PDB file of N, CA and C in Angstrom:
ATOM      1  N   MET A   1      50.916  18.317  16.041  1.00  0.00           N
ATOM      2  CA  MET A   1      51.649  19.548  15.916  1.00  0.00           C
ATOM      3  C   MET A   1      53.077  19.204  15.535  1.00  0.00           C
ATOM      4  N   VAL A   2      53.624  19.971  14.626  1.00  0.00           N
ATOM      5  CA  VAL A   2      54.980  19.744  14.139  1.00  0.00           C
ATOM      6  C   VAL A   2      55.829  20.953  14.483  1.00  0.00           C
ATOM      7  N   LEU A   3      57.029  20.700  14.950  1.00  0.00           N
ATOM      8  CA  LEU A   3      57.971  21.777  15.175  1.00  0.00           C
ATOM      9  C   LEU A   3      59.368  21.224  15.015  1.00  0.00           C
ATOM     10  N   GLY A   4      60.325  22.112  14.887  1.00  0.00           N
ATOM     11  CA  GLY A   4      61.683  21.649  14.700  1.00  0.00           C
ATOM     12  C   GLY A   4      62.694  22.754  14.887  1.00  0.00           C
ATOM     13  N   ALA A   5      63.943  22.361  14.837  1.00  0.00           N
ATOM     14  CA  ALA A   5      65.054  23.292  14.920  1.00  0.00           C
ATOM     15  C   ALA A   5      66.104  22.836  13.920  1.00  0.00           C
ATOM     16  N   THR A   6      66.761  23.775  13.295  1.00  0.00           N
ATOM     17  CA  THR A   6      67.791  23.477  12.304  1.00  0.00           C
ATOM     18  C   THR A   6      68.987  24.378  12.554  1.00  0.00           C
ATOM     19  N   LEU A   7      70.175  23.811  12.427  1.00  0.00           N
ATOM     20  CA  LEU A   7      71.403  24.563  12.615  1.00  0.00           C
ATOM     21  C   LEU A   7      72.083  24.695  11.262  1.00  0.00           C
ATOM     22  N   ILE A   8      72.233  25.943  10.787  1.00  0.00           N
ATOM     23  CA  ILE A   8      72.878  26.187   9.499  1.00  0.00           C
ATOM     24  C   ILE A   8      73.907  27.293   9.645  1.00  0.00           C
ATOM     25  N   GLY A   9      74.829  27.331   8.721  1.00  0.00           N
ATOM     26  CA  GLY A   9      75.819  28.396   8.768  1.00  0.00           C
ATOM     27  C   GLY A   9      76.585  28.485   7.472  1.00  0.00           C
ATOM     28  N   LYS A  10      77.103  29.657   7.188  1.00  0.00           N
ATOM     29  CA  LYS A  10      77.905  29.899   6.001  1.00  0.00           C
ATOM     30  C   LYS A  10      79.274  29.263   6.205  1.00  0.00           C
ATOM     31  N   SER A  11      79.763  28.606   5.167  1.00  0.00           N
ATOM     32  CA  SER A  11      81.046  27.949   5.279  1.00  0.00           C
ATOM     33  C   SER A  11      81.668  27.762   3.908  1.00  0.00           C
ATOM     34  N   GLU A  12      82.977  27.803   3.851  1.00  0.00           N
ATOM     35  CA  GLU A  12      83.703  27.529   2.615  1.00  0.00           C
ATOM     36  C   GLU A  12      83.966  26.035   2.465  1.00  0.00           C
ATOM     37  N   GLU A  13      83.793  25.290   3.511  1.00  0.00           N
ATOM     38  CA  GLU A  13      84.049  23.857   3.481  1.00  0.00           C
ATOM     39  C   GLU A  13      82.756  23.087   3.711  1.00  0.00           C
ATOM     40  N   GLU A  14      82.801  21.812   3.400  1.00  0.00           N
ATOM     41  CA  GLU A  14      81.621  20.975   3.598  1.00  0.00           C
ATOM     42  C   GLU A  14      81.348  20.833   5.090  1.00  0.00           C
ATOM     43  N   LYS A  15      80.094  20.989   5.457  1.00  0.00           N
ATOM     44  CA  LYS A  15      79.705  20.912   6.864  1.00  0.00           C
ATOM     45  C   LYS A  15      78.590  19.893   7.047  1.00  0.00           C
ATOM     46  N   ILE A  16      78.447  19.452   8.258  1.00  0.00           N
ATOM     47  CA  ILE A  16      77.340  18.554   8.603  1.00  0.00           C
ATOM     48  C   ILE A  16      76.133  19.409   8.952  1.00  0.00           C
ATOM     49  N   TYR A  17      74.982  18.953   8.536  1.00  0.00           N
ATOM     50  CA  TYR A  17      73.709  19.646   8.753  1.00  0.00           C
ATOM     51  C   TYR A  17      73.008  18.974   9.919  1.00  0.00           C
ATOM     52  N   PHE A  18      72.601  19.732  10.910  1.00  0.00           N
ATOM     53  CA  PHE A  18      71.899  19.180  12.061  1.00  0.00           C
ATOM     54  C   PHE A  18      70.460  19.658  12.074  1.00  0.00           C
ATOM     55  N   LYS A  19      69.556  18.779  12.465  1.00  0.00           N
ATOM     56  CA  LYS A  19      68.149  19.137  12.553  1.00  0.00           C
ATOM     57  C   LYS A  19      67.507  18.374  13.702  1.00  0.00           C
ATOM     58  N   ASN A  20      66.433  18.922  14.195  1.00  0.00           N
ATOM     59  CA  ASN A  20      65.651  18.263  15.235  1.00  0.00           C
ATOM     60  C   ASN A  20      64.200  18.614  14.939  1.00  0.00           C
ATOM     61  N   ILE A  21      63.470  17.684  14.367  1.00  0.00           N
ATOM     62  CA  ILE A  21      62.082  17.913  13.974  1.00  0.00           C
ATOM     63  C   ILE A  21      61.215  16.848  14.633  1.00  0.00           C
ATOM     64  N   ILE A  22      60.135  17.288  15.237  1.00  0.00           N
ATOM     65  CA  ILE A  22      59.228  16.338  15.876  1.00  0.00           C
ATOM     66  C   ILE A  22      57.793  16.602  15.427  1.00  0.00           C
ATOM     67  N   SER A  23      56.992  15.584  15.543  1.00  0.00           N
ATOM     68  CA  SER A  23      55.563  15.703  15.275  1.00  0.00           C
ATOM     69  C   SER A  23      54.836  15.048  16.437  1.00  0.00           C
ATOM     70  N   GLU A  24      53.884  15.757  17.005  1.00  0.00           N
ATOM     71  CA  GLU A  24      53.135  15.234  18.145  1.00  0.00           C
ATOM     72  C   GLU A  24      51.647  15.291  17.833  1.00  0.00           C
ATOM     73  N   GLY A  25      51.184  14.342  17.081  1.00  0.00           N
ATOM     74  CA  GLY A  25      49.778  14.293  16.701  1.00  0.00           C
ATOM     75  C   GLY A  25      48.834  14.131  17.872  1.00  0.00           C
ATOM     76  N   GLN A  26      49.327  13.564  18.957  1.00  0.00           N
ATOM     77  CA  GLN A  26      48.464  13.358  20.125  1.00  0.00           C
ATOM     78  C   GLN A  26      48.037  14.674  20.750  1.00  0.00           C
ATOM     79  N   ASN A  27      48.694  15.777  20.389  1.00  0.00           N
ATOM     80  CA  ASN A  27      48.314  17.091  20.914  1.00  0.00           C
ATOM     81  C   ASN A  27      47.481  17.897  19.927  1.00  0.00           C
ATOM     82  N   GLY A  28      47.044  17.283  18.858  1.00  0.00           N
ATOM     83  CA  GLY A  28      46.320  17.986  17.816  1.00  0.00           C
ATOM     84  C   GLY A  28      45.030  18.639  18.256  1.00  0.00           C
ATOM     85  N   GLU A  29      44.444  18.134  19.324  1.00  0.00           N
ATOM     86  CA  GLU A  29      43.160  18.700  19.764  1.00  0.00           C
ATOM     87  C   GLU A  29      43.291  20.076  20.394  1.00  0.00           C
ATOM     88  N   ILE A  30      44.496  20.509  20.709  1.00  0.00           N
ATOM     89  CA  ILE A  30      44.648  21.828  21.339  1.00  0.00           C
ATOM     90  C   ILE A  30      44.563  22.967  20.325  1.00  0.00           C
ATOM     91  N   LEU A  31      44.706  22.652  19.040  1.00  0.00           N
ATOM     92  CA  LEU A  31      44.569  23.646  17.979  1.00  0.00           C
ATOM     93  C   LEU A  31      44.003  22.929  16.758  1.00  0.00           C
ATOM     94  N   THR A  32      42.737  23.175  16.485  1.00  0.00           N
ATOM     95  CA  THR A  32      42.030  22.402  15.457  1.00  0.00           C
ATOM     96  C   THR A  32      41.238  23.324  14.543  1.00  0.00           C
ATOM     97  N   CYS A  33      41.311  23.039  13.263  1.00  0.00           N
ATOM     98  CA  CYS A  33      40.480  23.730  12.280  1.00  0.00           C
ATOM     99  C   CYS A  33      39.309  22.801  11.956  1.00  0.00           C
ATOM    100  N   MET A  34      38.114  23.249  12.240  1.00  0.00           N
ATOM    101  CA  MET A  34      36.916  22.438  12.025  1.00  0.00           C
ATOM    102  C   MET A  34      36.516  22.447  10.547  1.00  0.00           C
ATOM    103  N   GLN A  35      35.687  21.491  10.167  1.00  0.00           N
ATOM    104  CA  GLN A  35      35.237  21.407   8.778  1.00  0.00           C
ATOM    105  C   GLN A  35      34.459  22.646   8.345  1.00  0.00           C
ATOM    106  N   ASP A  36      33.800  23.293   9.284  1.00  0.00           N
ATOM    107  CA  ASP A  36      33.027  24.491   8.938  1.00  0.00           C
ATOM    108  C   ASP A  36      33.902  25.749   8.881  1.00  0.00           C
ATOM    109  N   GLY A  37      35.225  25.570   9.031  1.00  0.00           N
ATOM    110  CA  GLY A  37      36.151  26.694   8.937  1.00  0.00           C
ATOM    111  C   GLY A  37      36.443  27.370  10.262  1.00  0.00           C
ATOM    112  N   LYS A  38      35.705  27.015  11.297  1.00  0.00           N
ATOM    113  CA  LYS A  38      35.970  27.596  12.617  1.00  0.00           C
ATOM    114  C   LYS A  38      37.224  26.971  13.206  1.00  0.00           C
ATOM    115  N   ILE A  39      37.915  27.757  14.012  1.00  0.00           N
ATOM    116  CA  ILE A  39      39.144  27.284  14.647  1.00  0.00           C
ATOM    117  C   ILE A  39      38.916  27.172  16.144  1.00  0.00           C
ATOM    118  N   PHE A  40      39.333  26.034  16.701  1.00  0.00           N
ATOM    119  CA  PHE A  40      39.302  25.837  18.144  1.00  0.00           C
ATOM    120  C   PHE A  40      40.736  25.880  18.644  1.00  0.00           C
ATOM    121  N   MET A  41      40.962  26.652  19.718  1.00  0.00           N
ATOM    122  CA  MET A  41      42.291  26.718  20.314  1.00  0.00           C
ATOM    123  C   MET A  41      42.166  26.751  21.826  1.00  0.00           C
ATOM    124  N   ASP A  42      42.860  25.828  22.475  1.00  0.00           N
ATOM    125  CA  ASP A  42      42.986  25.857  23.929  1.00  0.00           C
ATOM    126  C   ASP A  42      44.222  26.720  24.212  1.00  0.00           C
ATOM    127  N   GLY A  43      43.999  28.004  24.422  1.00  0.00           N
ATOM    128  CA  GLY A  43      45.074  28.984  24.518  1.00  0.00           C
ATOM    129  C   GLY A  43      46.167  28.639  25.515  1.00  0.00           C
ATOM    130  N   LYS A  44      45.791  28.182  26.706  1.00  0.00           N
ATOM    131  CA  LYS A  44      46.788  27.858  27.731  1.00  0.00           C
ATOM    132  C   LYS A  44      47.682  26.707  27.280  1.00  0.00           C
ATOM    133  N   LYS A  45      47.076  25.689  26.685  1.00  0.00           N
ATOM    134  CA  LYS A  45      47.863  24.534  26.236  1.00  0.00           C
ATOM    135  C   LYS A  45      48.724  24.883  25.025  1.00  0.00           C
ATOM    136  N   VAL A  46      48.203  25.699  24.118  1.00  0.00           N
ATOM    137  CA  VAL A  46      48.996  26.136  22.963  1.00  0.00           C
ATOM    138  C   VAL A  46      50.183  26.961  23.446  1.00  0.00           C
ATOM    139  N   TYR A  47      49.957  27.859  24.396  1.00  0.00           N
ATOM    140  CA  TYR A  47      51.038  28.678  24.949  1.00  0.00           C
ATOM    141  C   TYR A  47      52.104  27.797  25.593  1.00  0.00           C
ATOM    142  N   LYS A  48      51.673  26.840  26.403  1.00  0.00           N
ATOM    143  CA  LYS A  48      52.623  25.948  27.077  1.00  0.00           C
ATOM    144  C   LYS A  48      53.430  25.164  26.044  1.00  0.00           C
ATOM    145  N   PHE A  49      52.751  24.599  25.050  1.00  0.00           N
ATOM    146  CA  PHE A  49      53.432  23.848  24.000  1.00  0.00           C
ATOM    147  C   PHE A  49      54.425  24.754  23.269  1.00  0.00           C
ATOM    148  N   GLY A  50      53.983  25.943  22.911  1.00  0.00           N
ATOM    149  CA  GLY A  50      54.793  26.865  22.123  1.00  0.00           C
ATOM    150  C   GLY A  50      55.970  27.480  22.856  1.00  0.00           C
ATOM    151  N   THR A  51      55.981  27.356  24.173  1.00  0.00           N
ATOM    152  CA  THR A  51      57.093  27.911  24.936  1.00  0.00           C
ATOM    153  C   THR A  51      57.969  26.836  25.576  1.00  0.00           C
ATOM    154  N   THR A  52      57.577  25.572  25.464  1.00  0.00           N
ATOM    155  CA  THR A  52      58.407  24.496  26.026  1.00  0.00           C
ATOM    156  C   THR A  52      59.001  23.600  24.940  1.00  0.00           C
ATOM    157  N   LYS A  53      58.203  23.173  23.989  1.00  0.00           N
ATOM    158  CA  LYS A  53      58.698  22.237  22.966  1.00  0.00           C
ATOM    159  C   LYS A  53      59.772  22.847  22.065  1.00  0.00           C
ATOM    160  N   PRO A  54      59.618  24.087  21.594  1.00  0.00           N
ATOM    161  CA  PRO A  54      60.696  24.657  20.779  1.00  0.00           C
ATOM    162  C   PRO A  54      62.013  24.781  21.557  1.00  0.00           C
ATOM    163  N   VAL A  55      61.920  25.105  22.845  1.00  0.00           N
ATOM    164  CA  VAL A  55      63.114  25.209  23.689  1.00  0.00           C
ATOM    165  C   VAL A  55      63.792  23.846  23.780  1.00  0.00           C
ATOM    166  N   LYS A  56      62.994  22.787  23.964  1.00  0.00           N
ATOM    167  CA  LYS A  56      63.553  21.430  24.005  1.00  0.00           C
ATOM    168  C   LYS A  56      64.224  21.081  22.686  1.00  0.00           C
ATOM    169  N   CYS A  57      63.593  21.457  21.562  1.00  0.00           N
ATOM    170  CA  CYS A  57      64.179  21.189  20.242  1.00  0.00           C
ATOM    171  C   CYS A  57      65.525  21.885  20.092  1.00  0.00           C
ATOM    172  N   VAL A  58      65.606  23.137  20.500  1.00  0.00           N
ATOM    173  CA  VAL A  58      66.863  23.884  20.406  1.00  0.00           C
ATOM    174  C   VAL A  58      67.921  23.229  21.284  1.00  0.00           C
ATOM    175  N   LYS A  59      67.572  22.891  22.515  1.00  0.00           N
ATOM    176  CA  LYS A  59      68.537  22.272  23.424  1.00  0.00           C
ATOM    177  C   LYS A  59      68.999  20.914  22.899  1.00  0.00           C
ATOM    178  N   ASN A  60      68.073  20.120  22.366  1.00  0.00           N
ATOM    179  CA  ASN A  60      68.449  18.823  21.799  1.00  0.00           C
ATOM    180  C   ASN A  60      69.376  18.992  20.605  1.00  0.00           C
ATOM    181  N   LEU A  61      69.084  19.968  19.771  1.00  0.00           N
ATOM    182  CA  LEU A  61      69.917  20.236  18.599  1.00  0.00           C
ATOM    183  C   LEU A  61      71.322  20.671  19.014  1.00  0.00           C
ATOM    184  N   LEU A  62      71.413  21.526  20.007  1.00  0.00           N
ATOM    185  CA  LEU A  62      72.723  21.972  20.485  1.00  0.00           C
ATOM    186  C   LEU A  62      73.530  20.801  21.040  1.00  0.00           C
ATOM    187  N   LYS A  63      72.857  19.939  21.777  1.00  0.00           N
ATOM    188  CA  LYS A  63      73.530  18.765  22.340  1.00  0.00           C
ATOM    189  C   LYS A  63      74.011  17.840  21.219  1.00  0.00           C
ATOM    190  N   GLU A  64      73.141  17.561  20.256  1.00  0.00           N
ATOM    191  CA  GLU A  64      73.470  16.663  19.151  1.00  0.00           C
ATOM    192  C   GLU A  64      74.627  17.207  18.313  1.00  0.00           C
ATOM    193  N   SER A  65      74.675  18.523  18.126  1.00  0.00           N
ATOM    194  CA  SER A  65      75.697  19.143  17.276  1.00  0.00           C
ATOM    195  C   SER A  65      76.947  19.544  18.055  1.00  0.00           C
ATOM    196  N   ASN A  66      76.949  19.282  19.350  1.00  0.00           N
ATOM    197  CA  ASN A  66      78.072  19.638  20.215  1.00  0.00           C
ATOM    198  C   ASN A  66      78.365  21.144  20.158  1.00  0.00           C
ATOM    199  N   GLN A  67      77.305  21.926  20.157  1.00  0.00           N
ATOM    200  CA  GLN A  67      77.400  23.381  20.129  1.00  0.00           C
ATOM    201  C   GLN A  67      76.800  23.930  21.430  1.00  0.00           C
ATOM    202  N   SER A  68      77.092  25.187  21.700  1.00  0.00           N
ATOM    203  CA  SER A  68      76.460  25.841  22.846  1.00  0.00           C
ATOM    204  C   SER A  68      75.602  26.982  22.318  1.00  0.00           C
ATOM    205  N   ILE A  69      74.747  27.482  23.147  1.00  0.00           N
ATOM    206  CA  ILE A  69      73.871  28.583  22.745  1.00  0.00           C
ATOM    207  C   ILE A  69      74.710  29.807  22.361  1.00  0.00           C
ATOM    208  N   GLU A  70      75.888  29.944  22.938  1.00  0.00           N
ATOM    209  CA  GLU A  70      76.777  31.062  22.608  1.00  0.00           C
ATOM    210  C   GLU A  70      77.307  30.960  21.176  1.00  0.00           C
ATOM    211  N   ASP A  71      77.350  29.742  20.620  1.00  0.00           N
ATOM    212  CA  ASP A  71      77.819  29.538  19.245  1.00  0.00           C
ATOM    213  C   ASP A  71      76.791  29.972  18.202  1.00  0.00           C
ATOM    214  N   ILE A  72      75.569  30.189  18.628  1.00  0.00           N
ATOM    215  CA  ILE A  72      74.477  30.492  17.711  1.00  0.00           C
ATOM    216  C   ILE A  72      74.323  32.002  17.575  1.00  0.00           C
ATOM    217  N   LYS A  73      74.275  32.479  16.335  1.00  0.00           N
ATOM    218  CA  LYS A  73      74.126  33.912  16.102  1.00  0.00           C
ATOM    219  C   LYS A  73      72.681  34.342  16.308  1.00  0.00           C
ATOM    220  N   TYR A  74      71.747  33.640  15.679  1.00  0.00           N
ATOM    221  CA  TYR A  74      70.323  33.970  15.797  1.00  0.00           C
ATOM    222  C   TYR A  74      69.484  32.708  15.916  1.00  0.00           C
ATOM    223  N   ILE A  75      68.429  32.821  16.666  1.00  0.00           N
ATOM    224  CA  ILE A  75      67.362  31.825  16.668  1.00  0.00           C
ATOM    225  C   ILE A  75      66.194  32.493  15.955  1.00  0.00           C
ATOM    226  N   ILE A  76      65.659  31.810  14.957  1.00  0.00           N
ATOM    227  CA  ILE A  76      64.557  32.375  14.170  1.00  0.00           C
ATOM    228  C   ILE A  76      63.315  31.519  14.422  1.00  0.00           C
ATOM    229  N   PRO A  77      62.479  31.940  15.363  1.00  0.00           N
ATOM    230  CA  PRO A  77      61.296  31.147  15.708  1.00  0.00           C
ATOM    231  C   PRO A  77      60.113  31.466  14.790  1.00  0.00           C
ATOM    232  N   HIS A  78      59.114  30.621  14.882  1.00  0.00           N
ATOM    233  CA  HIS A  78      57.828  30.943  14.255  1.00  0.00           C
ATOM    234  C   HIS A  78      57.344  32.231  14.908  1.00  0.00           C
ATOM    235  N   GLN A  79      56.931  33.193  14.117  1.00  0.00           N
ATOM    236  CA  GLN A  79      56.553  34.517  14.625  1.00  0.00           C
ATOM    237  C   GLN A  79      55.075  34.512  15.056  1.00  0.00           C
ATOM    238  N   SER A  80      54.793  33.794  16.120  1.00  0.00           N
ATOM    239  CA  SER A  80      53.412  33.615  16.552  1.00  0.00           C
ATOM    240  C   SER A  80      52.946  34.665  17.551  1.00  0.00           C
ATOM    241  N   ASN A  81      53.783  34.963  18.511  1.00  0.00           N
ATOM    242  CA  ASN A  81      53.345  35.771  19.639  1.00  0.00           C
ATOM    243  C   ASN A  81      54.588  36.292  20.362  1.00  0.00           C
ATOM    244  N   LEU A  82      54.711  37.591  20.529  1.00  0.00           N
ATOM    245  CA  LEU A  82      55.888  38.192  21.139  1.00  0.00           C
ATOM    246  C   LEU A  82      56.107  37.691  22.564  1.00  0.00           C
ATOM    247  N   LYS A  83      55.036  37.547  23.318  1.00  0.00           N
ATOM    248  CA  LYS A  83      55.156  37.066  24.699  1.00  0.00           C
ATOM    249  C   LYS A  83      55.751  35.655  24.719  1.00  0.00           C
ATOM    250  N   MET A  84      55.329  34.816  23.778  1.00  0.00           N
ATOM    251  CA  MET A  84      55.856  33.453  23.711  1.00  0.00           C
ATOM    252  C   MET A  84      57.350  33.465  23.370  1.00  0.00           C
ATOM    253  N   MET A  85      57.743  34.314  22.436  1.00  0.00           N
ATOM    254  CA  MET A  85      59.150  34.373  22.045  1.00  0.00           C
ATOM    255  C   MET A  85      60.014  34.884  23.195  1.00  0.00           C
ATOM    256  N   LYS A  86      59.510  35.858  23.949  1.00  0.00           N
ATOM    257  CA  LYS A  86      60.252  36.368  25.108  1.00  0.00           C
ATOM    258  C   LYS A  86      60.389  35.282  26.175  1.00  0.00           C
ATOM    259  N   SER A  87      59.349  34.467  26.341  1.00  0.00           N
ATOM    260  CA  SER A  87      59.409  33.357  27.280  1.00  0.00           C
ATOM    261  C   SER A  87      60.471  32.339  26.840  1.00  0.00           C
ATOM    262  N   MET A  88      60.545  32.091  25.544  1.00  0.00           N
ATOM    263  CA  MET A  88      61.576  31.184  25.034  1.00  0.00           C
ATOM    264  C   MET A  88      62.969  31.733  25.330  1.00  0.00           C
ATOM    265  N   CYS A  89      63.159  33.044  25.171  1.00  0.00           N
ATOM    266  CA  CYS A  89      64.453  33.672  25.479  1.00  0.00           C
ATOM    267  C   CYS A  89      64.826  33.431  26.941  1.00  0.00           C
ATOM    268  N   GLU A  90      63.862  33.622  27.829  1.00  0.00           N
ATOM    269  CA  GLU A  90      64.121  33.411  29.260  1.00  0.00           C
ATOM    270  C   GLU A  90      64.516  31.965  29.535  1.00  0.00           C
ATOM    271  N   LYS A  91      63.791  31.027  28.928  1.00  0.00           N
ATOM    272  CA  LYS A  91      64.072  29.601  29.169  1.00  0.00           C
ATOM    273  C   LYS A  91      65.408  29.175  28.578  1.00  0.00           C
ATOM    274  N   LEU A  92      65.805  29.804  27.485  1.00  0.00           N
ATOM    275  CA  LEU A  92      67.101  29.493  26.868  1.00  0.00           C
ATOM    276  C   LEU A  92      68.233  30.341  27.471  1.00  0.00           C
ATOM    277  N   GLU A  93      67.851  31.277  28.348  1.00  0.00           N
ATOM    278  CA  GLU A  93      68.802  32.174  29.007  1.00  0.00           C
ATOM    279  C   GLU A  93      69.606  32.965  27.978  1.00  0.00           C
ATOM    280  N   ILE A  94      68.871  33.573  27.038  1.00  0.00           N
ATOM    281  CA  ILE A  94      69.503  34.398  26.004  1.00  0.00           C
ATOM    282  C   ILE A  94      68.839  35.770  25.972  1.00  0.00           C
ATOM    283  N   SER A  95      69.553  36.713  25.428  1.00  0.00           N
ATOM    284  CA  SER A  95      69.015  38.053  25.218  1.00  0.00           C
ATOM    285  C   SER A  95      68.019  38.015  24.066  1.00  0.00           C
ATOM    286  N   ALA A  96      67.035  38.875  24.108  1.00  0.00           N
ATOM    287  CA  ALA A  96      66.069  38.964  23.007  1.00  0.00           C
ATOM    288  C   ALA A  96      66.757  39.366  21.709  1.00  0.00           C
ATOM    289  N   ASP A  97      67.946  39.977  21.794  1.00  0.00           N
ATOM    290  CA  ASP A  97      68.710  40.339  20.591  1.00  0.00           C
ATOM    291  C   ASP A  97      69.156  39.111  19.807  1.00  0.00           C
ATOM    292  N   LYS A  98      69.274  37.985  20.475  1.00  0.00           N
ATOM    293  CA  LYS A  98      69.716  36.753  19.823  1.00  0.00           C
ATOM    294  C   LYS A  98      68.563  36.061  19.091  1.00  0.00           C
ATOM    295  N   MET A  99      67.332  36.435  19.425  1.00  0.00           N
ATOM    296  CA  MET A  99      66.171  35.854  18.767  1.00  0.00           C
ATOM    297  C   MET A  99      65.698  36.820  17.692  1.00  0.00           C
ATOM    298  N   TYR A 100      65.662  36.337  16.461  1.00  0.00           N
ATOM    299  CA  TYR A 100      65.209  37.184  15.364  1.00  0.00           C
ATOM    300  C   TYR A 100      63.703  37.352  15.484  1.00  0.00           C
ATOM    301  N   ILE A 101      63.284  38.576  15.721  1.00  0.00           N
ATOM    302  CA  ILE A 101      61.864  38.871  15.923  1.00  0.00           C
ATOM    303  C   ILE A 101      61.448  39.982  14.968  1.00  0.00           C
ATOM    304  N   ASN A 102      60.459  39.678  14.129  1.00  0.00           N
ATOM    305  CA  ASN A 102      59.928  40.717  13.225  1.00  0.00           C
ATOM    306  C   ASN A 102      58.407  40.726  13.236  1.00  0.00           C
ATOM    307  N   ILE A 103      57.814  40.173  14.273  1.00  0.00           N
ATOM    308  CA  ILE A 103      56.354  40.054  14.336  1.00  0.00           C
ATOM    309  C   ILE A 103      55.684  41.427  14.273  1.00  0.00           C
ATOM    310  N   GLU A 104      56.344  42.446  14.823  1.00  0.00           N
ATOM    311  CA  GLU A 104      55.724  43.774  14.800  1.00  0.00           C
ATOM    312  C   GLU A 104      55.676  44.368  13.386  1.00  0.00           C
ATOM    313  N   LYS A 105      56.444  43.791  12.454  1.00  0.00           N
ATOM    314  CA  LYS A 105      56.463  44.272  11.071  1.00  0.00           C
ATOM    315  C   LYS A 105      55.530  43.476  10.171  1.00  0.00           C
ATOM    316  N   VAL A 106      55.068  42.325  10.654  1.00  0.00           N
ATOM    317  CA  VAL A 106      54.216  41.444   9.855  1.00  0.00           C
ATOM    318  C   VAL A 106      52.789  41.515  10.375  1.00  0.00           C
ATOM    319  N   ARG A 107      51.874  41.871   9.509  1.00  0.00           N
ATOM    320  CA  ARG A 107      50.476  41.959   9.938  1.00  0.00           C
ATOM    321  C   ARG A 107      49.578  41.469   8.861  1.00  0.00           C
TER     322      ARG A 107
END
């Protein structure tokens, strides 16, 4: 599974670009597409991964860039599941307004 976080912003001057991208192939069995086209998903493990690893990526990125969560205008997560995104907000101690969410518009 691959996930990451990137810090970008509009600027008139040259800026440093920060990123935090990880790949965890050892967890691939929790979400697998079979050769016959069927999908296997261990829902509890996918939920846990999806609500803990992205939070760690964001926190690591903030630490690396010497920024705080207050410096960030929006977090734009993968639009997988509203409950997961709300859980991420709680873990990051941010308002849902700070997380860009449009899952209800995408179907």
